[in-house]
Amino acid sequence: MGWAEREFETIDLGDPRLNRRAVLLAERLGQKPGASIPGACENGAETAAAYRFLRNEQVSCEDVMTAHRQATMGRIREHAVVLCLQDTTELDYNGQATAGLGPLSYEAQRG
């Protein structure tokens, strides 16, 4: 069983085919996290199926996230302490001639 099958083991979208598509799509996007949907899918048919899945009114973000939350909580229960960290690091290059900088917390800061 792959990671996506374990992660979405409890998913229930009302149709086993939708459940399988959710797992496959998670697997593909997980293999290439920076890719577009066509770039992550193996062929045109798989890409079309992914878009059909995303347009399907029977599929809600909440249903997909419920399965993900259940898997996450299962992993958390295995540990006495869990740190929930958020990276708020900013690198301020204000005053330096560097291309491609954008605003940070304050408009005057560039990073």
N, C-alpha and C. Protein backbone atom coordinates (compact mmCIF):
# COMPACT_ATOMS: atom_id res chain seq x y z
N MET A 1 0.85 -1.18 0.00
CA MET A 1 0.00 0.00 0.00
C MET A 1 0.89 1.24 0.00
N GLY A 2 0.66 2.13 -0.96
CA GLY A 2 1.45 3.35 -1.08
C GLY A 2 1.01 4.40 -0.08
N TRP A 3 1.78 5.48 -0.02
CA TRP A 3 1.49 6.54 0.97
C TRP A 3 0.11 7.15 0.74
N ALA A 4 -0.29 7.36 -0.51
CA ALA A 4 -1.58 8.00 -0.78
C ALA A 4 -2.73 7.07 -0.39
N GLU A 5 -2.57 5.78 -0.60
CA GLU A 5 -3.61 4.82 -0.17
C GLU A 5 -3.77 4.83 1.34
N ARG A 6 -2.65 4.93 2.06
CA ARG A 6 -2.72 5.01 3.52
C ARG A 6 -3.33 6.34 3.97
N GLU A 7 -2.91 7.41 3.31
CA GLU A 7 -3.37 8.75 3.70
C GLU A 7 -4.88 8.91 3.49
N PHE A 8 -5.40 8.33 2.41
CA PHE A 8 -6.81 8.49 2.08
C PHE A 8 -7.58 7.19 2.24
N GLU A 9 -7.13 6.35 3.15
CA GLU A 9 -7.76 5.06 3.40
C GLU A 9 -9.23 5.21 3.79
N THR A 10 -9.59 6.29 4.48
CA THR A 10 -10.97 6.48 4.95
C THR A 10 -11.81 7.36 4.04
N ILE A 11 -11.27 7.75 2.90
CA ILE A 11 -12.02 8.66 2.03
C ILE A 11 -13.33 8.01 1.56
N ASP A 12 -14.38 8.79 1.57
CA ASP A 12 -15.68 8.29 1.11
C ASP A 12 -16.36 9.39 0.31
N LEU A 13 -16.20 9.33 -0.99
CA LEU A 13 -16.79 10.32 -1.89
C LEU A 13 -18.11 9.82 -2.49
N GLY A 14 -18.61 8.70 -1.96
CA GLY A 14 -19.88 8.18 -2.42
C GLY A 14 -19.79 7.26 -3.62
N ASP A 15 -18.59 7.06 -4.14
CA ASP A 15 -18.39 6.20 -5.31
C ASP A 15 -16.95 5.68 -5.25
N PRO A 16 -16.76 4.37 -5.27
CA PRO A 16 -15.40 3.82 -5.19
C PRO A 16 -14.47 4.33 -6.29
N ARG A 17 -15.04 4.63 -7.46
CA ARG A 17 -14.21 5.15 -8.56
C ARG A 17 -13.65 6.53 -8.21
N LEU A 18 -14.47 7.37 -7.57
CA LEU A 18 -14.00 8.68 -7.15
C LEU A 18 -12.94 8.54 -6.06
N ASN A 19 -13.14 7.59 -5.15
CA ASN A 19 -12.15 7.35 -4.11
C ASN A 19 -10.80 6.96 -4.72
N ARG A 20 -10.84 6.05 -5.71
CA ARG A 20 -9.61 5.62 -6.37
C ARG A 20 -8.96 6.77 -7.13
N ARG A 21 -9.77 7.60 -7.77
CA ARG A 21 -9.23 8.75 -8.51
C ARG A 21 -8.56 9.73 -7.56
N ALA A 22 -9.15 9.95 -6.39
CA ALA A 22 -8.55 10.85 -5.39
C ALA A 22 -7.18 10.35 -4.95
N VAL A 23 -7.09 9.06 -4.72
CA VAL A 23 -5.81 8.46 -4.30
C VAL A 23 -4.78 8.58 -5.42
N LEU A 24 -5.18 8.27 -6.65
CA LEU A 24 -4.25 8.35 -7.78
C LEU A 24 -3.78 9.79 -8.00
N LEU A 25 -4.70 10.72 -7.92
CA LEU A 25 -4.33 12.12 -8.13
C LEU A 25 -3.38 12.61 -7.03
N ALA A 26 -3.64 12.21 -5.80
CA ALA A 26 -2.73 12.57 -4.71
C ALA A 26 -1.34 11.97 -4.95
N GLU A 27 -1.31 10.73 -5.40
CA GLU A 27 -0.04 10.05 -5.69
C GLU A 27 0.73 10.79 -6.78
N ARG A 28 0.05 11.11 -7.86
CA ARG A 28 0.71 11.80 -8.98
C ARG A 28 1.23 13.18 -8.55
N LEU A 29 0.38 13.96 -7.88
CA LEU A 29 0.80 15.30 -7.46
C LEU A 29 1.89 15.23 -6.40
N GLY A 30 1.86 14.18 -5.58
CA GLY A 30 2.91 14.00 -4.57
C GLY A 30 4.26 13.65 -5.19
N GLN A 31 4.24 12.96 -6.32
CA GLN A 31 5.48 12.60 -7.01
C GLN A 31 6.13 13.81 -7.66
N LYS A 32 5.31 14.78 -8.06
CA LYS A 32 5.82 15.98 -8.73
C LYS A 32 5.13 17.21 -8.15
N PRO A 33 5.46 17.58 -6.92
CA PRO A 33 4.72 18.64 -6.23
C PRO A 33 4.77 20.00 -6.91
N GLY A 34 5.75 20.27 -7.71
CA GLY A 34 5.84 21.56 -8.38
C GLY A 34 5.21 21.57 -9.76
N ALA A 35 4.70 20.43 -10.19
CA ALA A 35 4.19 20.31 -11.56
C ALA A 35 2.73 20.74 -11.64
N SER A 36 2.32 21.10 -12.84
CA SER A 36 0.91 21.33 -13.13
C SER A 36 0.21 19.98 -13.16
N ILE A 37 -1.10 19.98 -13.27
CA ILE A 37 -1.83 18.71 -13.37
C ILE A 37 -1.40 17.94 -14.62
N PRO A 38 -1.34 18.57 -15.81
CA PRO A 38 -0.86 17.82 -16.97
C PRO A 38 0.58 17.32 -16.79
N GLY A 39 1.41 18.10 -16.11
CA GLY A 39 2.79 17.69 -15.89
C GLY A 39 2.92 16.54 -14.91
N ALA A 40 1.98 16.44 -13.97
CA ALA A 40 2.03 15.38 -12.97
C ALA A 40 1.40 14.08 -13.47
N CYS A 41 0.40 14.21 -14.34
CA CYS A 41 -0.29 13.01 -14.85
C CYS A 41 0.56 12.33 -15.92
N GLU A 42 0.33 11.04 -16.08
CA GLU A 42 1.17 10.25 -16.99
C GLU A 42 0.78 10.38 -18.46
N ASN A 43 -0.47 10.76 -18.74
CA ASN A 43 -0.90 10.87 -20.13
C ASN A 43 -2.14 11.75 -20.22
N GLY A 44 -2.61 11.98 -21.42
CA GLY A 44 -3.76 12.85 -21.65
C GLY A 44 -5.04 12.33 -21.02
N ALA A 45 -5.25 11.02 -21.06
CA ALA A 45 -6.46 10.44 -20.47
C ALA A 45 -6.48 10.65 -18.96
N GLU A 46 -5.33 10.47 -18.34
CA GLU A 46 -5.23 10.66 -16.89
C GLU A 46 -5.43 12.13 -16.53
N THR A 47 -4.91 13.03 -17.36
CA THR A 47 -5.10 14.47 -17.15
C THR A 47 -6.58 14.83 -17.25
N ALA A 48 -7.25 14.34 -18.28
CA ALA A 48 -8.68 14.61 -18.45
C ALA A 48 -9.48 14.07 -17.27
N ALA A 49 -9.13 12.89 -16.80
CA ALA A 49 -9.82 12.30 -15.65
C ALA A 49 -9.60 13.13 -14.39
N ALA A 50 -8.40 13.68 -14.24
CA ALA A 50 -8.11 14.53 -13.08
C ALA A 50 -8.99 15.78 -13.11
N TYR A 51 -9.11 16.41 -14.26
CA TYR A 51 -9.95 17.60 -14.37
C TYR A 51 -11.43 17.26 -14.17
N ARG A 52 -11.87 16.11 -14.66
CA ARG A 52 -13.26 15.69 -14.41
C ARG A 52 -13.50 15.51 -12.92
N PHE A 53 -12.52 14.91 -12.24
CA PHE A 53 -12.61 14.71 -10.80
C PHE A 53 -12.74 16.05 -10.08
N LEU A 54 -11.91 17.00 -10.45
CA LEU A 54 -11.93 18.31 -9.79
C LEU A 54 -13.20 19.10 -10.08
N ARG A 55 -13.83 18.87 -11.23
CA ARG A 55 -15.08 19.55 -11.57
C ARG A 55 -16.31 18.85 -11.00
N ASN A 56 -16.16 17.64 -10.54
CA ASN A 56 -17.29 16.83 -10.09
C ASN A 56 -17.94 17.45 -8.86
N GLU A 57 -19.23 17.75 -8.97
CA GLU A 57 -19.95 18.38 -7.86
C GLU A 57 -20.12 17.45 -6.67
N GLN A 58 -19.94 16.16 -6.88
CA GLN A 58 -20.03 15.18 -5.80
C GLN A 58 -18.78 15.21 -4.92
N VAL A 59 -17.71 15.79 -5.42
CA VAL A 59 -16.43 15.84 -4.70
C VAL A 59 -16.28 17.20 -4.05
N SER A 60 -16.09 17.20 -2.74
CA SER A 60 -15.87 18.47 -2.05
C SER A 60 -14.50 18.45 -1.38
N CYS A 61 -13.95 19.61 -1.25
CA CYS A 61 -12.67 19.75 -0.56
C CYS A 61 -12.79 19.21 0.86
N GLU A 62 -13.92 19.48 1.49
CA GLU A 62 -14.14 19.02 2.88
C GLU A 62 -14.07 17.49 2.97
N ASP A 63 -14.66 16.80 2.01
CA ASP A 63 -14.61 15.33 2.04
C ASP A 63 -13.19 14.81 1.89
N VAL A 64 -12.42 15.42 1.01
CA VAL A 64 -11.03 15.01 0.82
C VAL A 64 -10.21 15.34 2.07
N MET A 65 -10.42 16.53 2.61
CA MET A 65 -9.66 16.94 3.80
C MET A 65 -10.05 16.13 5.03
N THR A 66 -11.28 15.66 5.12
CA THR A 66 -11.68 14.83 6.27
C THR A 66 -10.81 13.59 6.35
N ALA A 67 -10.63 12.92 5.23
CA ALA A 67 -9.77 11.72 5.22
C ALA A 67 -8.34 12.09 5.58
N HIS A 68 -7.85 13.19 5.06
CA HIS A 68 -6.48 13.63 5.35
C HIS A 68 -6.33 13.96 6.85
N ARG A 69 -7.32 14.66 7.41
CA ARG A 69 -7.27 15.00 8.85
C ARG A 69 -7.29 13.74 9.71
N GLN A 70 -8.10 12.76 9.33
CA GLN A 70 -8.15 11.51 10.09
C GLN A 70 -6.79 10.81 10.09
N ALA A 71 -6.14 10.78 8.94
CA ALA A 71 -4.82 10.16 8.85
C ALA A 71 -3.80 10.94 9.67
N THR A 72 -3.89 12.26 9.61
CA THR A 72 -2.97 13.11 10.38
C THR A 72 -3.16 12.88 11.88
N MET A 73 -4.40 12.85 12.33
CA MET A 73 -4.67 12.63 13.75
C MET A 73 -4.17 11.25 14.19
N GLY A 74 -4.29 10.26 13.33
CA GLY A 74 -3.76 8.93 13.64
C GLY A 74 -2.26 8.96 13.86
N ARG A 75 -1.56 9.72 13.02
CA ARG A 75 -0.10 9.84 13.19
C ARG A 75 0.24 10.61 14.46
N ILE A 76 -0.53 11.65 14.75
CA ILE A 76 -0.27 12.46 15.94
C ILE A 76 -0.44 11.63 17.21
N ARG A 77 -1.47 10.77 17.24
CA ARG A 77 -1.73 9.96 18.44
C ARG A 77 -0.58 9.02 18.78
N GLU A 78 0.29 8.75 17.84
CA GLU A 78 1.41 7.84 18.08
C GLU A 78 2.53 8.49 18.88
N HIS A 79 2.44 9.78 19.16
CA HIS A 79 3.53 10.51 19.81
C HIS A 79 3.03 11.25 21.05
N ALA A 80 3.89 11.31 22.06
CA ALA A 80 3.53 12.04 23.29
C ALA A 80 3.54 13.54 23.06
N VAL A 81 4.46 14.02 22.23
CA VAL A 81 4.57 15.45 21.95
C VAL A 81 4.66 15.64 20.45
N VAL A 82 3.89 16.59 19.94
CA VAL A 82 3.92 16.92 18.52
C VAL A 82 4.10 18.43 18.41
N LEU A 83 5.10 18.85 17.67
CA LEU A 83 5.32 20.28 17.44
C LEU A 83 4.64 20.68 16.14
N CYS A 84 3.83 21.70 16.19
CA CYS A 84 3.17 22.23 15.00
C CYS A 84 3.84 23.55 14.67
N LEU A 85 4.78 23.51 13.77
CA LEU A 85 5.61 24.67 13.46
C LEU A 85 5.13 25.36 12.20
N GLN A 86 5.37 26.65 12.16
CA GLN A 86 5.07 27.45 10.98
C GLN A 86 6.31 28.27 10.67
N ASP A 87 6.73 28.27 9.44
CA ASP A 87 7.90 29.03 9.05
C ASP A 87 7.47 30.43 8.62
N THR A 88 7.89 31.40 9.40
CA THR A 88 7.58 32.80 9.06
C THR A 88 8.88 33.57 8.78
N THR A 89 9.90 32.83 8.37
CA THR A 89 11.20 33.44 8.08
C THR A 89 11.08 34.40 6.90
N GLU A 90 11.70 35.57 7.06
CA GLU A 90 11.78 36.53 5.96
C GLU A 90 13.24 36.91 5.77
N LEU A 91 13.66 36.99 4.54
CA LEU A 91 15.01 37.44 4.22
C LEU A 91 14.89 38.82 3.58
N ASP A 92 15.39 39.83 4.28
CA ASP A 92 15.25 41.22 3.85
C ASP A 92 16.48 41.62 3.03
N TYR A 93 16.29 41.86 1.75
CA TYR A 93 17.37 42.29 0.86
C TYR A 93 17.22 43.75 0.48
N ASN A 94 16.53 44.52 1.32
CA ASN A 94 16.31 45.94 1.07
C ASN A 94 17.65 46.65 0.89
N GLY A 95 17.73 47.47 -0.13
CA GLY A 95 18.96 48.23 -0.40
C GLY A 95 19.95 47.49 -1.28
N GLN A 96 19.68 46.25 -1.61
CA GLN A 96 20.58 45.49 -2.47
C GLN A 96 19.99 45.41 -3.87
N ALA A 97 20.84 45.45 -4.84
CA ALA A 97 20.39 45.38 -6.24
C ALA A 97 20.20 43.91 -6.63
N THR A 98 19.03 43.37 -6.28
CA THR A 98 18.72 41.98 -6.57
C THR A 98 17.41 41.93 -7.35
N ALA A 99 17.40 41.24 -8.48
CA ALA A 99 16.20 41.15 -9.32
C ALA A 99 15.20 40.18 -8.71
N GLY A 100 13.93 40.42 -8.94
CA GLY A 100 12.87 39.48 -8.57
C GLY A 100 12.39 39.57 -7.14
N LEU A 101 12.75 40.62 -6.42
CA LEU A 101 12.31 40.74 -5.03
C LEU A 101 10.86 41.19 -4.95
N GLY A 102 10.20 40.83 -3.88
CA GLY A 102 8.81 41.24 -3.65
C GLY A 102 8.66 41.77 -2.24
N PRO A 103 7.49 42.31 -1.91
CA PRO A 103 7.28 42.88 -0.59
C PRO A 103 7.28 41.81 0.50
N LEU A 104 7.74 42.18 1.68
CA LEU A 104 7.69 41.29 2.83
C LEU A 104 6.54 41.77 3.73
N SER A 105 6.76 41.77 5.04
CA SER A 105 5.71 42.19 5.97
C SER A 105 5.31 43.64 5.77
N TYR A 106 6.29 44.44 5.40
CA TYR A 106 6.06 45.86 5.16
C TYR A 106 6.45 46.17 3.72
N GLU A 107 5.72 47.02 3.08
CA GLU A 107 5.97 47.34 1.67
C GLU A 107 7.40 47.82 1.43
N ALA A 108 7.99 48.49 2.42
CA ALA A 108 9.35 49.02 2.26
C ALA A 108 10.39 47.92 2.30
N GLN A 109 10.06 46.77 2.85
CA GLN A 109 10.99 45.65 2.92
C GLN A 109 10.89 44.84 1.63
N ARG A 110 12.01 44.44 1.11
CA ARG A 110 12.03 43.64 -0.12
C ARG A 110 12.78 42.34 0.16
N GLY A 111 12.23 41.27 -0.33
CA GLY A 111 12.89 39.98 -0.10
C GLY A 111 12.41 38.95 -1.08
